Every structure is written in structure tokens, then in C-alpha cells.
PDB file of N, CA and C in Angstrom:
ATOM      1  N   MET A   1      93.927  53.103 103.067  1.00  0.00           N
ATOM      2  CA  MET A   1      95.077  52.693 102.167  1.00  0.00           C
ATOM      3  C   MET A   1      95.896  54.168 103.337  1.00  0.00           C
ATOM      4  N   THR A   2      97.163  53.819 103.299  1.00  0.00           N
ATOM      5  CA  THR A   2      97.760  54.571 104.032  1.00  0.00           C
ATOM      6  C   THR A   2      98.590  55.881 103.123  1.00  0.00           C
ATOM      7  N   LEU A   3      99.340  56.476 103.426  1.00  0.00           N
ATOM      8  CA  LEU A   3     100.160  57.594 102.151  1.00  0.00           C
ATOM      9  C   LEU A   3     101.686  56.356 102.332  1.00  0.00           C
ATOM     10  N   ALA A   4     102.005  55.337 103.299  1.00  0.00           N
ATOM     11  CA  ALA A   4     103.207  54.661 103.355  1.00  0.00           C
ATOM     12  C   ALA A   4     103.139  54.139 101.679  1.00  0.00           C
ATOM     13  N   THR A   5     101.596  53.351 101.908  1.00  0.00           N
ATOM     14  CA  THR A   5     101.256  52.217 101.213  1.00  0.00           C
ATOM     15  C   THR A   5     101.054  52.749  99.437  1.00  0.00           C
ATOM     16  N   MET A   6     100.770  54.120  99.391  1.00  0.00           N
ATOM     17  CA  MET A   6     101.023  54.603  98.200  1.00  0.00           C
ATOM     18  C   MET A   6     101.873  54.437  97.310  1.00  0.00           C
ATOM     19  N   SER A   7     101.668  54.613  95.693  1.00  0.00           N
ATOM     20  CA  SER A   7     102.258  54.927  95.288  1.00  0.00           C
ATOM     21  C   SER A   7     103.303  56.275  94.768  1.00  0.00           C
ATOM     22  N   PRO A   8     103.799  56.232  94.262  1.00  0.00           N
ATOM     23  CA  PRO A   8     104.872  57.479  94.033  1.00  0.00           C
ATOM     24  C   PRO A   8     103.612  58.842  93.809  1.00  0.00           C
ATOM     25  N   GLU A   9     103.900  57.748  92.672  1.00  0.00           N
ATOM     26  CA  GLU A   9     102.859  58.720  91.306  1.00  0.00           C
ATOM     27  C   GLU A   9     101.590  59.130  92.314  1.00  0.00           C
ATOM     28  N   THR A  10     101.008  58.462  93.026  1.00  0.00           N
ATOM     29  CA  THR A  10      99.378  58.328  93.557  1.00  0.00           C
ATOM     30  C   THR A  10      99.563  59.419  94.586  1.00  0.00           C
ATOM     31  N   SER A  11     100.637  59.011  95.362  1.00  0.00           N
ATOM     32  CA  SER A  11     100.870  60.548  96.387  1.00  0.00           C
ATOM     33  C   SER A  11     100.758  61.576  96.111  1.00  0.00           C
ATOM     34  N   SER A  12     102.065  61.806  95.120  1.00  0.00           N
ATOM     35  CA  SER A  12     101.992  63.383  94.235  1.00  0.00           C
ATOM     36  C   SER A  12     100.880  63.783  93.920  1.00  0.00           C
ATOM     37  N   GLY A  13      99.754  62.988  92.746  1.00  0.00           N
ATOM     38  CA  GLY A  13      98.303  62.872  92.533  1.00  0.00           C
ATOM     39  C   GLY A  13      97.970  63.485  93.932  1.00  0.00           C
ATOM     40  N   SER A  14      97.974  63.146  95.508  1.00  0.00           N
ATOM     41  CA  SER A  14      96.588  63.791  96.120  1.00  0.00           C
ATOM     42  C   SER A  14      96.952  64.835  96.633  1.00  0.00           C
ATOM     43  N   VAL A  15      98.460  65.307  96.052  1.00  0.00           N
ATOM     44  CA  VAL A  15      99.058  65.918  97.072  1.00  0.00           C
ATOM     45  C   VAL A  15      98.507  67.338  95.972  1.00  0.00           C
ATOM     46  N   GLN A  16      98.847  67.068  94.948  1.00  0.00           N
ATOM     47  CA  GLN A  16      98.885  68.260  94.374  1.00  0.00           C
ATOM     48  C   GLN A  16      97.346  68.774  94.521  1.00  0.00           C
ATOM     49  N   SER A  17      96.354  67.044  94.843  1.00  0.00           N
ATOM     50  CA  SER A  17      94.644  67.769  94.510  1.00  0.00           C
ATOM     51  C   SER A  17      94.341  68.345  95.810  1.00  0.00           C
ATOM     52  N   ALA A  18      95.451  68.014  97.127  1.00  0.00           N
ATOM     53  CA  ALA A  18      95.047  68.826  97.622  1.00  0.00           C
ATOM     54  C   ALA A  18      95.514  70.080  97.929  1.00  0.00           C
ATOM     55  N   GLY A  19      96.234  70.499  97.108  1.00  0.00           N
ATOM     56  CA  GLY A  19      97.030  71.876  96.981  1.00  0.00           C
ATOM     57  C   GLY A  19      96.184  72.444  96.251  1.00  0.00           C
ATOM     58  N   VAL A  20      95.102  72.104  95.231  1.00  0.00           N
ATOM     59  CA  VAL A  20      94.314  72.433  94.461  1.00  0.00           C
ATOM     60  C   VAL A  20      93.316  73.130  95.521  1.00  0.00           C
ATOM     61  N   LEU A  21      92.555  71.977  96.063  1.00  0.00           N
ATOM     62  CA  LEU A  21      91.905  72.052  96.708  1.00  0.00           C
ATOM     63  C   LEU A  21      91.312  73.213  97.543  1.00  0.00           C
ATOM     64  N   THR A  22      92.953  73.050  98.516  1.00  0.00           N
ATOM     65  CA  THR A  22      93.414  74.502  99.942  1.00  0.00           C
ATOM     66  C   THR A  22      92.932  75.791  98.598  1.00  0.00           C
ATOM     67  N   ARG A  23      93.764  76.133  97.566  1.00  0.00           N
ATOM     68  CA  ARG A  23      93.972  77.118  96.749  1.00  0.00           C
ATOM     69  C   ARG A  23      92.019  77.694  96.505  1.00  0.00           C
ATOM     70  N   LEU A  24      91.304  76.118  96.424  1.00  0.00           N
ATOM     71  CA  LEU A  24      89.998  76.979  96.213  1.00  0.00           C
ATOM     72  C   LEU A  24      89.412  77.237  97.077  1.00  0.00           C
ATOM     73  N   ARG A  25      88.950  76.599  98.617  1.00  0.00           N
ATOM     74  CA  ARG A  25      88.888  76.493  99.250  1.00  0.00           C
ATOM     75  C   ARG A  25      89.540  78.456 100.352  1.00  0.00           C
ATOM     76  N   ASN A  26      90.878  78.456  99.994  1.00  0.00           N
ATOM     77  CA  ASN A  26      90.969  79.549 100.348  1.00  0.00           C
ATOM     78  C   ASN A  26      90.006  81.171  99.768  1.00  0.00           C
ATOM     79  N   GLY A  27      90.643  80.524  98.179  1.00  0.00           N
ATOM     80  CA  GLY A  27      89.574  81.405  97.243  1.00  0.00           C
ATOM     81  C   GLY A  27      87.909  82.063  97.336  1.00  0.00           C
ATOM     82  N   VAL A  28      87.546  80.438  98.086  1.00  0.00           N
ATOM     83  CA  VAL A  28      86.148  80.696  98.095  1.00  0.00           C
ATOM     84  C   VAL A  28      86.288  81.643 100.147  1.00  0.00           C
ATOM     85  N   HIS A  29      86.858  80.884 100.191  1.00  0.00           N
ATOM     86  CA  HIS A  29      86.943  82.359 101.749  1.00  0.00           C
ATOM     87  C   HIS A  29      87.044  83.646 101.397  1.00  0.00           C
ATOM     88  N   ARG A  30      87.608  83.700 101.020  1.00  0.00           N
ATOM     89  CA  ARG A  30      87.855  85.256 100.616  1.00  0.00           C
ATOM     90  C   ARG A  30      87.096  85.594  99.954  1.00  0.00           C
ATOM     91  N   ARG A  31      86.490  84.988  99.061  1.00  0.00           N
ATOM     92  CA  ARG A  31      84.880  85.816  98.160  1.00  0.00           C
ATOM     93  C   ARG A  31      83.661  85.886  99.452  1.00  0.00           C
ATOM     94  N   VAL A  32      83.785  84.509 100.101  1.00  0.00           N
ATOM     95  CA  VAL A  32      82.622  85.032 101.378  1.00  0.00           C
ATOM     96  C   VAL A  32      82.791  85.983 102.253  1.00  0.00           C
ATOM     97  N   CYS A  33      84.152  86.111 102.697  1.00  0.00           N
ATOM     98  CA  CYS A  33      84.964  86.806 103.349  1.00  0.00           C
ATOM     99  C   CYS A  33      84.575  88.677 102.857  1.00  0.00           C
ATOM    100  N   MET A  34      84.680  88.790 102.288  1.00  0.00           N
ATOM    101  CA  MET A  34      84.052  89.981 101.057  1.00  0.00           C
ATOM    102  C   MET A  34      82.648  90.514 100.677  1.00  0.00           C
ATOM    103  N   LEU A  35      82.062  89.324 100.449  1.00  0.00           N
ATOM    104  CA  LEU A  35      80.669  89.545 100.665  1.00  0.00           C
ATOM    105  C   LEU A  35      79.898  90.123 101.467  1.00  0.00           C
ATOM    106  N   ASP A  36      80.744  89.081 103.165  1.00  0.00           N
ATOM    107  CA  ASP A  36      80.085  89.413 104.501  1.00  0.00           C
ATOM    108  C   ASP A  36      80.263  91.058 104.672  1.00  0.00           C
ATOM    109  N   ALA A  37      81.946  91.334 104.083  1.00  0.00           N
ATOM    110  CA  ALA A  37      82.033  92.459 104.327  1.00  0.00           C
ATOM    111  C   ALA A  37      81.332  93.343 103.645  1.00  0.00           C
ATOM    112  N   ARG A  38      80.947  93.536 102.277  1.00  0.00           N
ATOM    113  CA  ARG A  38      79.972  94.166 101.757  1.00  0.00           C
ATOM    114  C   ARG A  38      78.912  94.550 102.007  1.00  0.00           C
ATOM    115  N   LEU A  39      78.172  93.326 102.732  1.00  0.00           N
ATOM    116  CA  LEU A  39      76.803  93.178 103.121  1.00  0.00           C
ATOM    117  C   LEU A  39      76.751  94.021 104.538  1.00  0.00           C
ATOM    118  N   ARG A  40      77.727  93.759 105.336  1.00  0.00           N
ATOM    119  CA  ARG A  40      78.007  94.539 106.605  1.00  0.00           C
ATOM    120  C   ARG A  40      77.672  95.971 106.964  1.00  0.00           C
ATOM    121  N   THR A  41      78.511  96.891 105.764  1.00  0.00           N
ATOM    122  CA  THR A  41      78.525  97.847 105.246  1.00  0.00           C
ATOM    123  C   THR A  41      76.924  98.255 104.593  1.00  0.00           C
ATOM    124  N   VAL A  42      76.827  97.834 103.554  1.00  0.00           N
ATOM    125  CA  VAL A  42      75.366  97.643 103.061  1.00  0.00           C
ATOM    126  C   VAL A  42      73.823  98.186 104.627  1.00  0.00           C
ATOM    127  N   ALA A  43      74.203  97.141 105.484  1.00  0.00           N
ATOM    128  CA  ALA A  43      73.159  97.053 106.386  1.00  0.00           C
ATOM    129  C   ALA A  43      73.824  98.250 107.388  1.00  0.00           C
ATOM    130  N   ALA A  44      74.968  99.137 107.371  1.00  0.00           N
ATOM    131  CA  ALA A  44      75.496  99.409 108.143  1.00  0.00           C
ATOM    132  C   ALA A  44      75.028 101.018 108.314  1.00  0.00           C
ATOM    133  N   GLU A  45      74.824 101.209 106.636  1.00  0.00           N
ATOM    134  CA  GLU A  45      74.356 102.431 106.194  1.00  0.00           C
ATOM    135  C   GLU A  45      73.665 102.619 104.967  1.00  0.00           C
ATOM    136  N   PRO A  46      72.443 101.814 105.431  1.00  0.00           N
ATOM    137  CA  PRO A  46      71.172 101.789 103.955  1.00  0.00           C
ATOM    138  C   PRO A  46      70.678 102.829 103.556  1.00  0.00           C
ATOM    139  N   GLU A  47      70.840 104.015 104.149  1.00  0.00           N
ATOM    140  CA  GLU A  47      70.513 105.463 104.105  1.00  0.00           C
ATOM    141  C   GLU A  47      71.266 106.598 103.351  1.00  0.00           C
ATOM    142  N   LYS A  48      72.312 105.841 102.898  1.00  0.00           N
ATOM    143  CA  LYS A  48      73.434 106.542 102.561  1.00  0.00           C
ATOM    144  C   LYS A  48      73.257 108.003 101.616  1.00  0.00           C
ATOM    145  N   GLY A  49      72.763 107.726 100.515  1.00  0.00           N
ATOM    146  CA  GLY A  49      72.571 108.476  99.329  1.00  0.00           C
ATOM    147  C   GLY A  49      70.769 109.086  99.626  1.00  0.00           C
ATOM    148  N   ALA A  50      70.440 108.520 100.812  1.00  0.00           N
ATOM    149  CA  ALA A  50      68.986 109.329 100.834  1.00  0.00           C
ATOM    150  C   ALA A  50      68.541 109.786 100.946  1.00  0.00           C
ATOM    151  N   VAL A  51      69.747 110.865 101.730  1.00  0.00           N
ATOM    152  CA  VAL A  51      69.163 112.211 102.084  1.00  0.00           C
ATOM    153  C   VAL A  51      69.850 112.755 101.349  1.00  0.00           C
ATOM    154  N   THR A  52      70.712 112.659 100.647  1.00  0.00           N
ATOM    155  CA  THR A  52      70.986 113.959  99.380  1.00  0.00           C
ATOM    156  C   THR A  52      69.971 114.080  98.471  1.00  0.00           C
ATOM    157  N   ALA A  53      69.363 112.596  98.478  1.00  0.00           N
ATOM    158  CA  ALA A  53      68.081 112.849  97.494  1.00  0.00           C
ATOM    159  C   ALA A  53      66.831 113.180  97.668  1.00  0.00           C
ATOM    160  N   GLU A  54      66.505 113.286  99.320  1.00  0.00           N
ATOM    161  CA  GLU A  54      65.800 113.777  99.502  1.00  0.00           C
ATOM    162  C   GLU A  54      66.009 115.307  99.574  1.00  0.00           C
ATOM    163  N   TYR A  55      67.207 115.976 100.193  1.00  0.00           N
ATOM    164  CA  TYR A  55      67.139 117.417  99.876  1.00  0.00           C
ATOM    165  C   TYR A  55      67.113 117.605  98.573  1.00  0.00           C
ATOM    166  N   ALA A  56      67.029 116.678  97.464  1.00  0.00           N
ATOM    167  CA  ALA A  56      67.149 117.890  95.910  1.00  0.00           C
ATOM    168  C   ALA A  56      65.720 117.499  95.714  1.00  0.00           C
ATOM    169  N   VAL A  57      64.572 116.591  96.025  1.00  0.00           N
ATOM    170  CA  VAL A  57      63.477 116.722  96.136  1.00  0.00           C
ATOM    171  C   VAL A  57      62.947 117.746  97.113  1.00  0.00           C
ATOM    172  N   VAL A  58      63.433 118.009  97.984  1.00  0.00           N
ATOM    173  CA  VAL A  58      62.710 119.130  98.608  1.00  0.00           C
ATOM    174  C   VAL A  58      63.328 120.452  98.096  1.00  0.00           C
ATOM    175  N   ILE A  59      64.506 120.303  97.045  1.00  0.00           N
ATOM    176  CA  ILE A  59      65.263 122.229  96.435  1.00  0.00           C
ATOM    177  C   ILE A  59      64.345 122.330  95.338  1.00  0.00           C
ATOM    178  N   VAL A  60      64.040 120.987  95.134  1.00  0.00           N
ATOM    179  CA  VAL A  60      63.014 121.431  93.462  1.00  0.00           C
ATOM    180  C   VAL A  60      61.954 121.751  93.706  1.00  0.00           C
ATOM    181  N   ALA A  61      61.105 120.721  94.611  1.00  0.00           N
ATOM    182  CA  ALA A  61      59.825 121.723  94.890  1.00  0.00           C
ATOM    183  C   ALA A  61      59.593 123.152  95.734  1.00  0.00           C
ATOM    184  N   ALA A  62      60.977 123.573  96.305  1.00  0.00           N
ATOM    185  CA  ALA A  62      60.494 124.982  96.772  1.00  0.00           C
ATOM    186  C   ALA A  62      60.770 125.632  95.140  1.00  0.00           C
ATOM    187  N   ALA A  63      61.497 125.306  95.077  1.00  0.00           N
ATOM    188  CA  ALA A  63      62.224 126.165  93.378  1.00  0.00           C
ATOM    189  C   ALA A  63      60.659 126.493  92.612  1.00  0.00           C
ATOM    190  N   ALA A  64      59.975 125.169  92.060  1.00  0.00           N
ATOM    191  CA  ALA A  64      58.661 125.468  91.872  1.00  0.00           C
ATOM    192  C   ALA A  64      57.311 126.093  92.248  1.00  0.00           C
ATOM    193  N   PHE A  65      57.820 125.653  93.851  1.00  0.00           N
ATOM    194  CA  PHE A  65      56.420 126.523  94.554  1.00  0.00           C
ATOM    195  C   PHE A  65      56.896 128.571  94.283  1.00  0.00           C
ATOM    196  N   ALA A  66      58.648 128.287  94.713  1.00  0.00           N
ATOM    197  CA  ALA A  66      58.252 129.852  94.330  1.00  0.00           C
ATOM    198  C   ALA A  66      58.144 130.731  92.567  1.00  0.00           C
ATOM    199  N   VAL A  67      58.541 129.221  91.814  1.00  0.00           N
ATOM    200  CA  VAL A  67      57.750 130.351  90.454  1.00  0.00           C
ATOM    201  C   VAL A  67      56.591 130.111  90.622  1.00  0.00           C
ATOM    202  N   VAL A  68      55.753 129.520  91.155  1.00  0.00           N
ATOM    203  CA  VAL A  68      54.412 129.940  91.338  1.00  0.00           C
ATOM    204  C   VAL A  68      54.321 130.643  91.553  1.00  0.00           C
ATOM    205  N   LEU A  69      54.869 131.224  93.061  1.00  0.00           N
ATOM    206  CA  LEU A  69      54.813 132.787  94.565  1.00  0.00           C
ATOM    207  C   LEU A  69      54.756 133.762  93.164  1.00  0.00           C
ATOM    208  N   LEU A  70      55.917 133.250  92.748  1.00  0.00           N
ATOM    209  CA  LEU A  70      56.379 135.246  91.773  1.00  0.00           C
ATOM    210  C   LEU A  70      55.553 135.116  90.901  1.00  0.00           C
ATOM    211  N   THR A  71      54.927 134.288  90.068  1.00  0.00           N
ATOM    212  CA  THR A  71      54.124 133.939  88.923  1.00  0.00           C
ATOM    213  C   THR A  71      52.924 134.853  89.494  1.00  0.00           C
ATOM    214  N   ILE A  72      52.217 134.324  90.490  1.00  0.00           N
ATOM    215  CA  ILE A  72      51.036 135.218  91.239  1.00  0.00           C
ATOM    216  C   ILE A  72      51.557 136.911  91.878  1.00  0.00           C
ATOM    217  N   VAL A  73      52.174 136.896  92.289  1.00  0.00           N
ATOM    218  CA  VAL A  73      52.697 137.864  92.902  1.00  0.00           C
ATOM    219  C   VAL A  73      52.895 139.257  91.819  1.00  0.00           C
ATOM    220  N   LYS A  74      53.254 138.560  90.465  1.00  0.00           N
ATOM    221  CA  LYS A  74      53.703 139.477  89.359  1.00  0.00           C
ATOM    222  C   LYS A  74      52.338 140.268  89.137  1.00  0.00           C
ATOM    223  N   SER A  75      50.739 139.476  89.524  1.00  0.00           N
ATOM    224  CA  SER A  75      49.857 139.707  88.383  1.00  0.00           C
ATOM    225  C   SER A  75      49.427 140.908  88.288  1.00  0.00           C
ATOM    226  N   ASP A  76      48.571 141.289  87.818  1.00  0.00           N
ATOM    227  CA  ASP A  76      47.955 142.800  88.192  1.00  0.00           C
ATOM    228  C   ASP A  76      46.717 142.793  89.163  1.00  0.00           C
ATOM    229  N   GLN A  77      46.131 142.298  89.709  1.00  0.00           N
ATOM    230  CA  GLN A  77      44.742 141.731  90.210  1.00  0.00           C
ATOM    231  C   GLN A  77      45.919 141.545  91.758  1.00  0.00           C
ATOM    232  N   ILE A  78      46.947 141.233  91.889  1.00  0.00           N
ATOM    233  CA  ILE A  78      47.473 141.178  92.996  1.00  0.00           C
ATOM    234  C   ILE A  78      48.671 142.518  93.954  1.00  0.00           C
ATOM    235  N   LYS A  79      48.899 142.831  92.317  1.00  0.00           N
ATOM    236  CA  LYS A  79      49.633 144.353  92.740  1.00  0.00           C
ATOM    237  C   LYS A  79      49.095 145.006  93.393  1.00  0.00           C
ATOM    238  N   GLN A  80      47.553 145.563  92.865  1.00  0.00           N
ATOM    239  CA  GLN A  80      46.645 146.298  93.254  1.00  0.00           C
ATOM    240  C   GLN A  80      46.201 146.213  94.854  1.00  0.00           C
ATOM    241  N   LEU A  81      46.491 144.677  94.943  1.00  0.00           N
ATOM    242  CA  LEU A  81      45.640 144.526  96.752  1.00  0.00           C
ATOM    243  C   LEU A  81      46.480 144.613  97.334  1.00  0.00           C
ATOM    244  N   LEU A  82      47.526 144.346  97.048  1.00  0.00           N
ATOM    245  CA  LEU A  82      49.225 144.892  98.173  1.00  0.00           C
ATOM    246  C   LEU A  82      49.486 145.917  98.328  1.00  0.00           C
ATOM    247  N   LEU A  83      48.812 146.882  96.856  1.00  0.00           N
ATOM    248  CA  LEU A  83      49.122 148.309  97.380  1.00  0.00           C
ATOM    249  C   LEU A  83      48.199 148.637  97.698  1.00  0.00           C
ATOM    250  N   LYS A  84      47.189 148.863  98.230  1.00  0.00           N
ATOM    251  CA  LYS A  84      45.937 149.205  99.008  1.00  0.00           C
ATOM    252  C   LYS A  84      46.210 148.088 100.364  1.00  0.00           C
ATOM    253  N   LEU A  85      46.552 147.106 100.372  1.00  0.00           N
ATOM    254  CA  LEU A  85      46.826 146.844 101.718  1.00  0.00           C
ATOM    255  C   LEU A  85      47.716 147.721 102.526  1.00  0.00           C
ATOM    256  N   ILE A  86      49.112 148.156 101.516  1.00  0.00           N
ATOM    257  CA  ILE A  86      49.546 148.613 102.463  1.00  0.00           C
ATOM    258  C   ILE A  86      49.324 150.395 102.611  1.00  0.00           C
ATOM    259  N   GLN A  87      48.962 150.798 101.564  1.00  0.00           N
ATOM    260  CA  GLN A  87      48.554 152.198 102.145  1.00  0.00           C
ATOM    261  C   GLN A  87      47.395 152.081 103.159  1.00  0.00           C
ATOM    262  N   ASN A  88      46.645 151.540 103.040  1.00  0.00           N
ATOM    263  CA  ASN A  88      45.125 151.139 104.439  1.00  0.00           C
ATOM    264  C   ASN A  88      46.303 150.898 105.635  1.00  0.00           C
ATOM    265  N   ALA A  89      47.323 149.831 105.549  1.00  0.00           N
ATOM    266  CA  ALA A  89      48.276 150.511 106.751  1.00  0.00           C
ATOM    267  C   ALA A  89      48.975 151.357 107.479  1.00  0.00           C
ATOM    268  N   LEU A  90      49.314 152.295 105.887  1.00  0.00           N
ATOM    269  CA  LEU A  90      50.016 153.525 106.154  1.00  0.00           C
ATOM    270  C   LEU A  90      49.410 154.474 106.715  1.00  0.00           C
ATOM    271  N   LYS A  91      48.288 154.701 106.373  1.00  0.00           N
ATOM    272  CA  LYS A  91      47.320 155.519 106.787  1.00  0.00           C
ATOM    273  C   LYS A  91      46.988 156.070 108.850  1.00  0.00           C
ATOM    274  N   VAL A  92      47.263 156.833 109.032  1.00  0.00           N
ATOM    275  CA  VAL A  92      47.455 157.324 110.145  1.00  0.00           C
ATOM    276  C   VAL A  92      45.891 158.562 110.457  1.00  0.00           C
ATOM    277  N   GLY A  93      45.055 157.835 111.532  1.00  0.00           N
ATOM    278  CA  GLY A  93      43.950 158.327 111.920  1.00  0.00           C
ATOM    279  C   GLY A  93      42.745 157.676 111.844  1.00  0.00           C
TER     280      GLY A  93
END
């Protein structure tokens, strides 16, 4: 059946169907392109936030180590040991 042999109702219905199909195809194409762009962005920069997270973990670990070290250094035994070490180092002769 050709377009010339169709009735006006059938040809306008098929034109409308073609318009709907075209809009659907364009919508799907646009969404696929957006998804492709997102996937390419993620693949190009997979560790964008990882560096920040690693720095945060290192800073927390360093702070915890500083607290432990400060607690140890403030103890009386360590103070006496450091004082003797400095006195021995300053002795002349």
C-alpha cells in the first residue's frame, strides 16, 4: 500500500504515528547521549574524591598519633628520662 492509495484518515494517522515515533526516538537518543557523557566523565575521573578522603584519613591518624605521643611525653617517667638525657648532653668534660 502506497501513500497515494491510503485514505486521508489513514495517512494522517500514520503521519501522527511517525511524529510520535520521531519524538520518542529523539528523546531516547538524548537520554542515551546524556548517559554516555556521564559514564565517560566517571571513567575519566574515577578517583576525584578519593584524594580528599585519603587526606582526611591521614590527618585523623596524625592527630591520634599526636595525642598518644603527647600523653607519653607528659608522663613523669619520660620527663625524668628526657631531663637526664639533656643534662648528660650538656655536661662538658
